[in-house]
Amino acid sequence: MVDSRFYKYYSEKGGLTAEQFEQLQPYFSFRTVPHNTFLLRAGELSHYAFFVEQGLLQSFSLDEKGGEHILQFAPEDWIISDRASQYFNKASDYYIKAIEYSTIVFIQPEFMEKASLWSNAFACFLENSLQRNIYIQQKRINSLLAMTAKERYLSFMEMYPGMLLRVPQWMVASYLGITPESLSRVRRELLNDR
């Protein structure tokens, strides 16, 4: 565990000690999941946050016609969850799925609660993380409302460097809220601008 990304992330950023990790061990578990494994489905209650040790997850919703609308990708060292489901005991509106063979840390809410009680540094880190998440979500909403497809694509490249090598073009288009054809056009324009 000490050589894991999970341990490194929460000890460096959250200030947790090896002893605190030991006490928190009942509240998290490492699991390996194959490609296309659902960690959460719409209609279910979310009982975990998911830390990506290795691999790639996505969060998405489905429209009435079965069209997939990707909300978020989560590569290594990212955490993904449905906060509304977890904290308000509400059935999820979203799916969370592994899109690569992945090693995931399933984190129970008690992990965050107890770590925050035991460590002021962790409590500050958690508050900071929540505020950063809200900021990113606000930026994402604004990008969908006010940015051009080209601006959204450039913003995507900044947020998810290297992601184009890991996911098919239709997934990038879904995240950007455009068609794959529009994405191809944007990419051609950017190539011509060079």
N, C-alpha and C. Protein backbone atom coordinates (compact mmCIF):
# COMPACT_ATOMS: atom_id res chain seq x y z
N MET A 1 0.83 -1.20 0.00
CA MET A 1 0.00 0.00 0.00
C MET A 1 0.87 1.26 0.00
N VAL A 2 2.00 1.24 0.72
CA VAL A 2 2.83 2.43 0.86
C VAL A 2 3.38 2.91 -0.49
N ASP A 3 3.58 1.97 -1.42
CA ASP A 3 4.09 2.37 -2.73
C ASP A 3 2.98 2.65 -3.74
N SER A 4 1.73 2.71 -3.28
CA SER A 4 0.60 2.96 -4.18
C SER A 4 0.43 4.45 -4.45
N ARG A 5 -0.18 4.76 -5.58
CA ARG A 5 -0.52 6.14 -5.91
C ARG A 5 -1.49 6.71 -4.88
N PHE A 6 -2.41 5.86 -4.42
CA PHE A 6 -3.42 6.26 -3.44
C PHE A 6 -2.75 6.76 -2.16
N TYR A 7 -1.80 5.97 -1.65
CA TYR A 7 -1.08 6.36 -0.44
C TYR A 7 -0.31 7.65 -0.67
N LYS A 8 0.40 7.72 -1.79
CA LYS A 8 1.21 8.90 -2.10
C LYS A 8 0.32 10.15 -2.21
N TYR A 9 -0.81 10.00 -2.89
CA TYR A 9 -1.73 11.13 -3.10
C TYR A 9 -2.21 11.69 -1.76
N TYR A 10 -2.72 10.81 -0.89
CA TYR A 10 -3.30 11.30 0.36
C TYR A 10 -2.26 11.62 1.43
N SER A 11 -1.06 11.07 1.34
CA SER A 11 -0.03 11.46 2.30
C SER A 11 0.59 12.78 1.89
N GLU A 12 0.85 12.96 0.57
CA GLU A 12 1.46 14.22 0.11
C GLU A 12 0.47 15.38 0.10
N LYS A 13 -0.72 15.16 -0.46
CA LYS A 13 -1.69 16.25 -0.60
C LYS A 13 -2.57 16.42 0.63
N GLY A 14 -2.91 15.29 1.28
CA GLY A 14 -3.82 15.35 2.43
C GLY A 14 -3.14 15.28 3.78
N GLY A 15 -1.83 15.05 3.79
CA GLY A 15 -1.09 15.04 5.04
C GLY A 15 -1.33 13.85 5.94
N LEU A 16 -1.87 12.74 5.40
CA LEU A 16 -2.12 11.57 6.24
C LEU A 16 -0.81 10.83 6.53
N THR A 17 -0.67 10.36 7.76
CA THR A 17 0.52 9.60 8.16
C THR A 17 0.28 8.11 7.91
N ALA A 18 1.36 7.35 7.97
CA ALA A 18 1.27 5.89 7.80
C ALA A 18 0.36 5.29 8.88
N GLU A 19 0.45 5.81 10.09
CA GLU A 19 -0.38 5.32 11.20
C GLU A 19 -1.87 5.60 10.94
N GLN A 20 -2.16 6.80 10.44
CA GLN A 20 -3.56 7.13 10.12
C GLN A 20 -4.09 6.26 9.00
N PHE A 21 -3.25 6.00 7.98
CA PHE A 21 -3.66 5.09 6.90
C PHE A 21 -4.00 3.72 7.45
N GLU A 22 -3.20 3.25 8.38
CA GLU A 22 -3.43 1.94 9.00
C GLU A 22 -4.79 1.91 9.67
N GLN A 23 -5.14 2.98 10.39
CA GLN A 23 -6.43 3.05 11.07
C GLN A 23 -7.59 3.18 10.10
N LEU A 24 -7.32 3.76 8.93
CA LEU A 24 -8.38 3.98 7.93
C LEU A 24 -8.57 2.78 7.00
N GLN A 25 -7.74 1.76 7.14
CA GLN A 25 -7.76 0.63 6.21
C GLN A 25 -9.13 -0.06 6.07
N PRO A 26 -9.95 -0.13 7.10
CA PRO A 26 -11.26 -0.76 6.92
C PRO A 26 -12.18 0.01 5.95
N TYR A 27 -11.82 1.24 5.61
CA TYR A 27 -12.73 2.09 4.83
C TYR A 27 -12.31 2.27 3.37
N PHE A 28 -11.35 1.46 2.91
CA PHE A 28 -11.01 1.48 1.49
C PHE A 28 -10.50 0.11 1.07
N SER A 29 -10.64 -0.20 -0.22
CA SER A 29 -10.13 -1.47 -0.74
C SER A 29 -9.72 -1.30 -2.20
N PHE A 30 -8.64 -1.97 -2.56
CA PHE A 30 -8.14 -1.99 -3.93
C PHE A 30 -8.83 -3.11 -4.70
N ARG A 31 -9.30 -2.80 -5.90
CA ARG A 31 -9.92 -3.83 -6.74
C ARG A 31 -9.47 -3.61 -8.19
N THR A 32 -9.27 -4.71 -8.87
CA THR A 32 -8.94 -4.66 -10.29
C THR A 32 -10.21 -4.97 -11.07
N VAL A 33 -10.52 -4.13 -12.05
CA VAL A 33 -11.75 -4.32 -12.83
C VAL A 33 -11.42 -4.35 -14.32
N PRO A 34 -12.05 -5.26 -15.06
CA PRO A 34 -11.82 -5.31 -16.50
C PRO A 34 -12.46 -4.12 -17.23
N HIS A 35 -12.02 -3.93 -18.45
CA HIS A 35 -12.61 -2.94 -19.37
C HIS A 35 -14.13 -3.15 -19.43
N ASN A 36 -14.87 -2.06 -19.46
CA ASN A 36 -16.35 -2.05 -19.56
C ASN A 36 -17.07 -2.49 -18.28
N THR A 37 -16.39 -2.52 -17.15
CA THR A 37 -17.04 -2.85 -15.88
C THR A 37 -17.74 -1.61 -15.33
N PHE A 38 -19.00 -1.76 -14.97
CA PHE A 38 -19.75 -0.67 -14.35
C PHE A 38 -19.47 -0.67 -12.85
N LEU A 39 -19.08 0.50 -12.34
CA LEU A 39 -18.89 0.66 -10.90
C LEU A 39 -20.14 1.26 -10.26
N LEU A 40 -20.92 1.94 -11.09
CA LEU A 40 -22.19 2.53 -10.64
C LEU A 40 -23.10 2.62 -11.85
N ARG A 41 -24.39 2.34 -11.64
CA ARG A 41 -25.39 2.46 -12.72
C ARG A 41 -26.47 3.44 -12.27
N ALA A 42 -27.06 4.13 -13.24
CA ALA A 42 -28.18 5.02 -12.94
C ALA A 42 -29.26 4.22 -12.22
N GLY A 43 -29.84 4.83 -11.19
CA GLY A 43 -30.87 4.16 -10.40
C GLY A 43 -30.35 3.51 -9.13
N GLU A 44 -29.02 3.31 -9.06
CA GLU A 44 -28.42 2.72 -7.87
C GLU A 44 -27.99 3.82 -6.90
N LEU A 45 -27.83 3.45 -5.64
CA LEU A 45 -27.24 4.36 -4.65
C LEU A 45 -25.73 4.23 -4.72
N SER A 46 -25.04 5.35 -4.68
CA SER A 46 -23.57 5.33 -4.69
C SER A 46 -23.07 5.18 -3.26
N HIS A 47 -22.24 4.17 -3.05
CA HIS A 47 -21.69 3.92 -1.72
C HIS A 47 -20.20 4.22 -1.63
N TYR A 48 -19.58 4.59 -2.77
CA TYR A 48 -18.14 4.79 -2.82
C TYR A 48 -17.76 5.99 -3.67
N ALA A 49 -16.59 6.52 -3.35
CA ALA A 49 -15.86 7.36 -4.30
C ALA A 49 -14.78 6.44 -4.86
N PHE A 50 -14.33 6.70 -6.08
CA PHE A 50 -13.38 5.81 -6.73
C PHE A 50 -12.09 6.57 -7.07
N PHE A 51 -10.99 6.11 -6.50
CA PHE A 51 -9.67 6.68 -6.81
C PHE A 51 -9.03 5.78 -7.86
N VAL A 52 -8.54 6.39 -8.94
CA VAL A 52 -7.95 5.60 -10.03
C VAL A 52 -6.46 5.41 -9.77
N GLU A 53 -6.13 4.21 -9.37
CA GLU A 53 -4.73 3.83 -9.14
C GLU A 53 -4.04 3.62 -10.48
N GLN A 54 -4.73 2.92 -11.37
CA GLN A 54 -4.23 2.68 -12.72
C GLN A 54 -5.44 2.46 -13.62
N GLY A 55 -5.40 3.04 -14.82
CA GLY A 55 -6.50 2.84 -15.76
C GLY A 55 -7.27 4.12 -16.02
N LEU A 56 -8.53 3.95 -16.43
CA LEU A 56 -9.34 5.09 -16.85
C LEU A 56 -10.81 4.79 -16.64
N LEU A 57 -11.51 5.73 -15.99
CA LEU A 57 -12.96 5.63 -15.78
C LEU A 57 -13.65 6.78 -16.50
N GLN A 58 -14.94 6.62 -16.70
CA GLN A 58 -15.76 7.71 -17.22
C GLN A 58 -17.06 7.77 -16.44
N SER A 59 -17.62 8.97 -16.37
CA SER A 59 -18.95 9.18 -15.81
C SER A 59 -19.82 9.70 -16.94
N PHE A 60 -21.01 9.13 -17.08
CA PHE A 60 -21.88 9.56 -18.19
C PHE A 60 -23.34 9.35 -17.84
N SER A 61 -24.19 10.00 -18.62
CA SER A 61 -25.64 9.79 -18.52
C SER A 61 -26.13 9.31 -19.88
N LEU A 62 -27.33 8.77 -19.90
CA LEU A 62 -27.95 8.34 -21.15
C LEU A 62 -29.21 9.15 -21.39
N ASP A 63 -29.43 9.56 -22.64
CA ASP A 63 -30.68 10.24 -22.96
C ASP A 63 -31.75 9.21 -23.33
N GLU A 64 -32.96 9.67 -23.67
CA GLU A 64 -34.08 8.75 -23.95
C GLU A 64 -33.80 7.81 -25.10
N LYS A 65 -32.94 8.23 -26.03
CA LYS A 65 -32.63 7.39 -27.20
C LYS A 65 -31.42 6.50 -26.96
N GLY A 66 -30.87 6.53 -25.75
CA GLY A 66 -29.71 5.71 -25.44
C GLY A 66 -28.39 6.38 -25.78
N GLY A 67 -28.44 7.66 -26.14
CA GLY A 67 -27.21 8.40 -26.45
C GLY A 67 -26.42 8.68 -25.18
N GLU A 68 -25.11 8.49 -25.26
CA GLU A 68 -24.22 8.66 -24.11
C GLU A 68 -23.70 10.09 -24.06
N HIS A 69 -23.80 10.70 -22.87
CA HIS A 69 -23.30 12.06 -22.66
C HIS A 69 -22.24 12.00 -21.56
N ILE A 70 -20.98 12.10 -21.96
CA ILE A 70 -19.88 11.95 -21.02
C ILE A 70 -19.68 13.23 -20.22
N LEU A 71 -19.71 13.09 -18.90
CA LEU A 71 -19.54 14.22 -17.99
C LEU A 71 -18.09 14.39 -17.58
N GLN A 72 -17.40 13.26 -17.40
CA GLN A 72 -16.05 13.34 -16.85
C GLN A 72 -15.27 12.09 -17.22
N PHE A 73 -13.98 12.27 -17.43
CA PHE A 73 -13.03 11.17 -17.49
C PHE A 73 -12.23 11.20 -16.20
N ALA A 74 -11.76 10.06 -15.75
CA ALA A 74 -10.93 10.00 -14.55
C ALA A 74 -9.74 9.10 -14.82
N PRO A 75 -8.59 9.70 -15.19
CA PRO A 75 -7.36 8.91 -15.34
C PRO A 75 -6.67 8.71 -13.99
N GLU A 76 -5.45 8.22 -14.01
CA GLU A 76 -4.70 7.96 -12.78
C GLU A 76 -4.65 9.20 -11.88
N ASP A 77 -4.77 8.95 -10.58
CA ASP A 77 -4.73 9.97 -9.52
C ASP A 77 -5.96 10.88 -9.48
N TRP A 78 -7.01 10.51 -10.20
CA TRP A 78 -8.27 11.27 -10.13
C TRP A 78 -9.26 10.49 -9.28
N ILE A 79 -10.21 11.23 -8.71
CA ILE A 79 -11.29 10.65 -7.92
C ILE A 79 -12.59 10.97 -8.64
N ILE A 80 -13.46 9.99 -8.71
CA ILE A 80 -14.74 10.18 -9.38
C ILE A 80 -15.83 9.56 -8.51
N SER A 81 -16.98 10.22 -8.45
CA SER A 81 -18.10 9.70 -7.66
C SER A 81 -19.37 10.42 -8.08
N ASP A 82 -20.48 9.98 -7.52
CA ASP A 82 -21.73 10.73 -7.65
C ASP A 82 -22.03 11.28 -6.26
N ARG A 83 -21.59 12.51 -6.04
CA ARG A 83 -21.73 13.13 -4.71
C ARG A 83 -23.19 13.25 -4.28
N ALA A 84 -24.07 13.61 -5.21
CA ALA A 84 -25.48 13.79 -4.85
C ALA A 84 -26.06 12.48 -4.34
N SER A 85 -25.74 11.38 -5.00
CA SER A 85 -26.24 10.09 -4.56
C SER A 85 -25.66 9.71 -3.20
N GLN A 86 -24.35 9.91 -3.08
CA GLN A 86 -23.67 9.50 -1.85
C GLN A 86 -24.08 10.31 -0.63
N TYR A 87 -24.15 11.61 -0.80
CA TYR A 87 -24.36 12.47 0.36
C TYR A 87 -25.83 12.77 0.65
N PHE A 88 -26.69 12.62 -0.36
CA PHE A 88 -28.11 12.90 -0.13
C PHE A 88 -28.96 11.64 -0.22
N ASN A 89 -28.27 10.47 -0.26
CA ASN A 89 -28.97 9.19 -0.30
C ASN A 89 -30.01 9.15 -1.41
N LYS A 90 -29.59 9.56 -2.58
CA LYS A 90 -30.46 9.70 -3.75
C LYS A 90 -29.99 8.74 -4.84
N ALA A 91 -30.92 8.11 -5.53
CA ALA A 91 -30.54 7.22 -6.64
C ALA A 91 -29.74 8.01 -7.67
N SER A 92 -28.70 7.40 -8.17
CA SER A 92 -27.82 8.08 -9.11
C SER A 92 -28.50 8.31 -10.46
N ASP A 93 -28.16 9.43 -11.08
CA ASP A 93 -28.59 9.70 -12.46
C ASP A 93 -27.51 9.29 -13.45
N TYR A 94 -26.37 8.81 -12.94
CA TYR A 94 -25.20 8.61 -13.78
C TYR A 94 -24.67 7.19 -13.73
N TYR A 95 -23.85 6.90 -14.71
CA TYR A 95 -23.11 5.65 -14.77
C TYR A 95 -21.63 5.99 -14.58
N ILE A 96 -20.92 5.12 -13.90
CA ILE A 96 -19.46 5.21 -13.83
C ILE A 96 -18.93 3.87 -14.30
N LYS A 97 -18.05 3.91 -15.30
CA LYS A 97 -17.60 2.69 -15.96
C LYS A 97 -16.11 2.75 -16.23
N ALA A 98 -15.45 1.59 -16.14
CA ALA A 98 -14.05 1.49 -16.52
C ALA A 98 -13.96 1.39 -18.04
N ILE A 99 -13.17 2.25 -18.64
CA ILE A 99 -13.00 2.18 -20.09
C ILE A 99 -11.61 1.65 -20.46
N GLU A 100 -10.86 1.25 -19.44
CA GLU A 100 -9.62 0.50 -19.59
C GLU A 100 -9.58 -0.50 -18.44
N TYR A 101 -8.79 -1.54 -18.59
CA TYR A 101 -8.50 -2.43 -17.47
C TYR A 101 -7.93 -1.54 -16.37
N SER A 102 -8.51 -1.58 -15.18
CA SER A 102 -8.18 -0.56 -14.17
C SER A 102 -8.02 -1.15 -12.77
N THR A 103 -7.15 -0.52 -11.99
CA THR A 103 -7.06 -0.80 -10.56
C THR A 103 -7.65 0.41 -9.85
N ILE A 104 -8.68 0.17 -9.09
CA ILE A 104 -9.47 1.24 -8.47
C ILE A 104 -9.46 1.07 -6.95
N VAL A 105 -9.38 2.18 -6.24
CA VAL A 105 -9.55 2.14 -4.79
C VAL A 105 -10.98 2.58 -4.49
N PHE A 106 -11.76 1.68 -3.90
CA PHE A 106 -13.14 1.96 -3.50
C PHE A 106 -13.06 2.61 -2.12
N ILE A 107 -13.50 3.86 -2.02
CA ILE A 107 -13.38 4.62 -0.78
C ILE A 107 -14.77 4.84 -0.17
N GLN A 108 -14.95 4.37 1.04
CA GLN A 108 -16.21 4.58 1.75
C GLN A 108 -16.24 6.01 2.32
N PRO A 109 -17.43 6.59 2.49
CA PRO A 109 -17.53 7.95 3.05
C PRO A 109 -16.83 8.08 4.41
N GLU A 110 -16.81 7.00 5.20
CA GLU A 110 -16.18 7.04 6.52
C GLU A 110 -14.68 7.37 6.43
N PHE A 111 -14.05 7.01 5.33
CA PHE A 111 -12.62 7.32 5.15
C PHE A 111 -12.43 8.83 5.25
N MET A 112 -13.22 9.58 4.48
CA MET A 112 -13.10 11.04 4.46
C MET A 112 -13.50 11.65 5.81
N GLU A 113 -14.58 11.13 6.38
CA GLU A 113 -15.06 11.67 7.65
C GLU A 113 -14.02 11.51 8.76
N LYS A 114 -13.51 10.28 8.91
CA LYS A 114 -12.55 10.03 9.99
C LYS A 114 -11.22 10.73 9.74
N ALA A 115 -10.75 10.73 8.49
CA ALA A 115 -9.49 11.41 8.18
C ALA A 115 -9.59 12.90 8.48
N SER A 116 -10.75 13.49 8.21
CA SER A 116 -10.96 14.92 8.48
C SER A 116 -10.97 15.21 9.98
N LEU A 117 -11.51 14.28 10.77
CA LEU A 117 -11.52 14.44 12.23
C LEU A 117 -10.12 14.32 12.82
N TRP A 118 -9.31 13.43 12.26
CA TRP A 118 -7.99 13.16 12.81
C TRP A 118 -6.92 14.13 12.34
N SER A 119 -7.18 14.80 11.21
CA SER A 119 -6.12 15.64 10.64
C SER A 119 -6.70 16.94 10.10
N ASN A 120 -6.27 18.06 10.70
CA ASN A 120 -6.70 19.37 10.19
C ASN A 120 -6.21 19.59 8.77
N ALA A 121 -5.00 19.10 8.48
CA ALA A 121 -4.44 19.23 7.13
C ALA A 121 -5.33 18.52 6.12
N PHE A 122 -5.82 17.33 6.50
CA PHE A 122 -6.70 16.58 5.59
C PHE A 122 -8.04 17.30 5.42
N ALA A 123 -8.58 17.83 6.51
CA ALA A 123 -9.86 18.56 6.43
C ALA A 123 -9.73 19.76 5.50
N CYS A 124 -8.61 20.49 5.59
CA CYS A 124 -8.37 21.64 4.69
C CYS A 124 -8.21 21.17 3.25
N PHE A 125 -7.48 20.07 3.06
CA PHE A 125 -7.30 19.51 1.72
C PHE A 125 -8.65 19.11 1.11
N LEU A 126 -9.50 18.47 1.92
CA LEU A 126 -10.81 18.03 1.44
C LEU A 126 -11.69 19.22 1.05
N GLU A 127 -11.68 20.25 1.87
CA GLU A 127 -12.44 21.48 1.56
C GLU A 127 -11.92 22.11 0.27
N ASN A 128 -10.61 22.18 0.15
CA ASN A 128 -9.99 22.73 -1.05
C ASN A 128 -10.37 21.92 -2.29
N SER A 129 -10.35 20.59 -2.16
CA SER A 129 -10.71 19.70 -3.27
C SER A 129 -12.16 19.92 -3.70
N LEU A 130 -13.04 20.08 -2.72
CA LEU A 130 -14.45 20.32 -3.02
C LEU A 130 -14.63 21.64 -3.76
N GLN A 131 -13.96 22.68 -3.28
CA GLN A 131 -14.07 23.99 -3.94
C GLN A 131 -13.49 23.94 -5.36
N ARG A 132 -12.37 23.21 -5.53
CA ARG A 132 -11.77 23.07 -6.87
C ARG A 132 -12.73 22.31 -7.80
N ASN A 133 -13.39 21.29 -7.28
CA ASN A 133 -14.34 20.51 -8.07
C ASN A 133 -15.51 21.39 -8.52
N ILE A 134 -16.01 22.22 -7.62
CA ILE A 134 -17.11 23.14 -7.97
C ILE A 134 -16.64 24.11 -9.05
N TYR A 135 -15.44 24.63 -8.90
CA TYR A 135 -14.87 25.55 -9.89
C TYR A 135 -14.77 24.89 -11.27
N ILE A 136 -14.28 23.65 -11.29
CA ILE A 136 -14.13 22.92 -12.56
C ILE A 136 -15.50 22.67 -13.19
N GLN A 137 -16.48 22.31 -12.38
CA GLN A 137 -17.84 22.08 -12.90
C GLN A 137 -18.44 23.36 -13.47
N GLN A 138 -18.21 24.49 -12.78
CA GLN A 138 -18.71 25.77 -13.28
C GLN A 138 -18.06 26.12 -14.61
N LYS A 139 -16.75 25.89 -14.71
CA LYS A 139 -16.03 26.15 -15.97
C LYS A 139 -16.58 25.26 -17.09
N ARG A 140 -16.87 24.01 -16.75
CA ARG A 140 -17.40 23.06 -17.75
C ARG A 140 -18.77 23.52 -18.24
N ILE A 141 -19.63 23.94 -17.33
CA ILE A 141 -20.96 24.43 -17.72
C ILE A 141 -20.81 25.66 -18.62
N ASN A 142 -19.95 26.58 -18.21
CA ASN A 142 -19.73 27.78 -19.01
C ASN A 142 -19.19 27.45 -20.39
N SER A 143 -18.30 26.46 -20.47
CA SER A 143 -17.73 26.10 -21.76
C SER A 143 -18.82 25.56 -22.69
N LEU A 144 -19.75 24.78 -22.14
CA LEU A 144 -20.83 24.24 -22.97
C LEU A 144 -21.81 25.34 -23.41
N LEU A 145 -21.96 26.37 -22.59
CA LEU A 145 -22.90 27.45 -22.92
C LEU A 145 -22.28 28.55 -23.78
N ALA A 146 -20.99 28.84 -23.56
CA ALA A 146 -20.44 30.06 -24.15
C ALA A 146 -19.24 29.86 -25.09
N MET A 147 -18.59 28.72 -25.06
CA MET A 147 -17.39 28.54 -25.87
C MET A 147 -17.72 27.92 -27.23
N THR A 148 -16.86 28.21 -28.19
CA THR A 148 -16.98 27.55 -29.49
C THR A 148 -16.47 26.12 -29.34
N ALA A 149 -16.78 25.29 -30.33
CA ALA A 149 -16.30 23.90 -30.32
C ALA A 149 -14.78 23.86 -30.27
N LYS A 150 -14.14 24.76 -30.98
CA LYS A 150 -12.67 24.82 -31.01
C LYS A 150 -12.13 25.17 -29.62
N GLU A 151 -12.73 26.14 -28.96
CA GLU A 151 -12.30 26.53 -27.61
C GLU A 151 -12.51 25.38 -26.62
N ARG A 152 -13.63 24.67 -26.75
CA ARG A 152 -13.90 23.53 -25.87
C ARG A 152 -12.86 22.43 -26.06
N TYR A 153 -12.51 22.19 -27.32
CA TYR A 153 -11.52 21.17 -27.64
C TYR A 153 -10.17 21.53 -27.03
N LEU A 154 -9.76 22.77 -27.16
CA LEU A 154 -8.47 23.21 -26.59
C LEU A 154 -8.49 23.11 -25.07
N SER A 155 -9.63 23.44 -24.47
CA SER A 155 -9.78 23.32 -23.02
C SER A 155 -9.69 21.85 -22.59
N PHE A 156 -10.31 20.97 -23.37
CA PHE A 156 -10.25 19.52 -23.11
C PHE A 156 -8.80 19.04 -23.13
N MET A 157 -8.05 19.49 -24.14
CA MET A 157 -6.64 19.07 -24.29
C MET A 157 -5.82 19.52 -23.07
N GLU A 158 -6.17 20.69 -22.54
CA GLU A 158 -5.46 21.21 -21.37
C GLU A 158 -5.82 20.40 -20.11
N MET A 159 -7.10 20.09 -19.96
CA MET A 159 -7.54 19.36 -18.77
C MET A 159 -7.10 17.90 -18.80
N TYR A 160 -7.13 17.29 -19.97
CA TYR A 160 -6.83 15.86 -20.10
C TYR A 160 -5.68 15.62 -21.08
N PRO A 161 -4.47 16.03 -20.74
CA PRO A 161 -3.36 15.80 -21.67
C PRO A 161 -3.16 14.30 -21.92
N GLY A 162 -2.96 13.93 -23.17
CA GLY A 162 -2.75 12.53 -23.52
C GLY A 162 -4.01 11.71 -23.68
N MET A 163 -5.18 12.29 -23.38
CA MET A 163 -6.43 11.53 -23.43
C MET A 163 -6.79 11.10 -24.85
N LEU A 164 -6.39 11.88 -25.85
CA LEU A 164 -6.72 11.54 -27.23
C LEU A 164 -6.11 10.20 -27.65
N LEU A 165 -5.05 9.79 -26.97
CA LEU A 165 -4.42 8.51 -27.28
C LEU A 165 -5.09 7.35 -26.55
N ARG A 166 -6.01 7.68 -25.64
CA ARG A 166 -6.61 6.64 -24.79
C ARG A 166 -8.08 6.37 -25.08
N VAL A 167 -8.77 7.32 -25.70
CA VAL A 167 -10.21 7.14 -25.94
C VAL A 167 -10.54 7.39 -27.41
N PRO A 168 -11.60 6.75 -27.92
CA PRO A 168 -12.00 6.99 -29.31
C PRO A 168 -12.57 8.40 -29.49
N GLN A 169 -12.55 8.85 -30.73
CA GLN A 169 -12.98 10.21 -31.06
C GLN A 169 -14.43 10.48 -30.65
N TRP A 170 -15.31 9.47 -30.77
CA TRP A 170 -16.71 9.71 -30.42
C TRP A 170 -16.87 10.06 -28.94
N MET A 171 -15.99 9.51 -28.07
CA MET A 171 -16.07 9.83 -26.64
C MET A 171 -15.65 11.28 -26.39
N VAL A 172 -14.62 11.72 -27.08
CA VAL A 172 -14.19 13.11 -26.94
C VAL A 172 -15.32 14.02 -27.41
N ALA A 173 -15.93 13.69 -28.54
CA ALA A 173 -17.05 14.49 -29.07
C ALA A 173 -18.20 14.53 -28.07
N SER A 174 -18.52 13.39 -27.46
CA SER A 174 -19.59 13.34 -26.47
C SER A 174 -19.29 14.26 -25.30
N TYR A 175 -18.06 14.21 -24.81
CA TYR A 175 -17.65 15.08 -23.70
C TYR A 175 -17.79 16.55 -24.09
N LEU A 176 -17.43 16.87 -25.34
CA LEU A 176 -17.47 18.26 -25.80
C LEU A 176 -18.89 18.73 -26.17
N GLY A 177 -19.82 17.78 -26.27
CA GLY A 177 -21.19 18.13 -26.64
C GLY A 177 -21.34 18.46 -28.11
N ILE A 178 -20.51 17.81 -28.95
CA ILE A 178 -20.58 18.01 -30.40
C ILE A 178 -20.60 16.65 -31.09
N THR A 179 -20.85 16.64 -32.38
CA THR A 179 -20.84 15.39 -33.14
C THR A 179 -19.40 15.02 -33.48
N PRO A 180 -19.14 13.73 -33.74
CA PRO A 180 -17.80 13.33 -34.19
C PRO A 180 -17.36 14.07 -35.46
N GLU A 181 -18.32 14.36 -36.34
CA GLU A 181 -18.00 15.09 -37.57
C GLU A 181 -17.52 16.51 -37.25
N SER A 182 -18.19 17.15 -36.30
CA SER A 182 -17.76 18.50 -35.89
C SER A 182 -16.37 18.45 -35.26
N LEU A 183 -16.11 17.41 -34.49
CA LEU A 183 -14.79 17.26 -33.88
C LEU A 183 -13.72 17.11 -34.95
N SER A 184 -14.00 16.32 -35.97
CA SER A 184 -13.04 16.16 -37.08
C SER A 184 -12.77 17.49 -37.75
N ARG A 185 -13.82 18.28 -37.92
CA ARG A 185 -13.67 19.61 -38.55
C ARG A 185 -12.78 20.52 -37.68
N VAL A 186 -13.02 20.51 -36.38
CA VAL A 186 -12.21 21.32 -35.45
C VAL A 186 -10.75 20.91 -35.52
N ARG A 187 -10.50 19.61 -35.53
CA ARG A 187 -9.12 19.12 -35.57
C ARG A 187 -8.43 19.51 -36.87
N ARG A 188 -9.18 19.46 -37.99
CA ARG A 188 -8.62 19.88 -39.28
C ARG A 188 -8.27 21.37 -39.26
N GLU A 189 -9.18 22.17 -38.68
CA GLU A 189 -8.93 23.62 -38.58
C GLU A 189 -7.66 23.91 -37.79
N LEU A 190 -7.49 23.20 -36.68
CA LEU A 190 -6.31 23.41 -35.85
C LEU A 190 -5.03 23.01 -36.58
N LEU A 191 -5.11 21.94 -37.35
CA LEU A 191 -3.94 21.51 -38.14
C LEU A 191 -3.60 22.57 -39.20
N ASN A 192 -4.62 23.15 -39.82
CA ASN A 192 -4.41 24.19 -40.85
C ASN A 192 -3.90 25.48 -40.26
N ASP A 193 -4.20 25.73 -38.97
CA ASP A 193 -3.76 26.97 -38.31
C ASP A 193 -2.26 26.96 -38.01
N ARG A 194 -1.65 25.79 -38.02
CA ARG A 194 -0.23 25.69 -37.64
C ARG A 194 0.68 26.28 -38.68
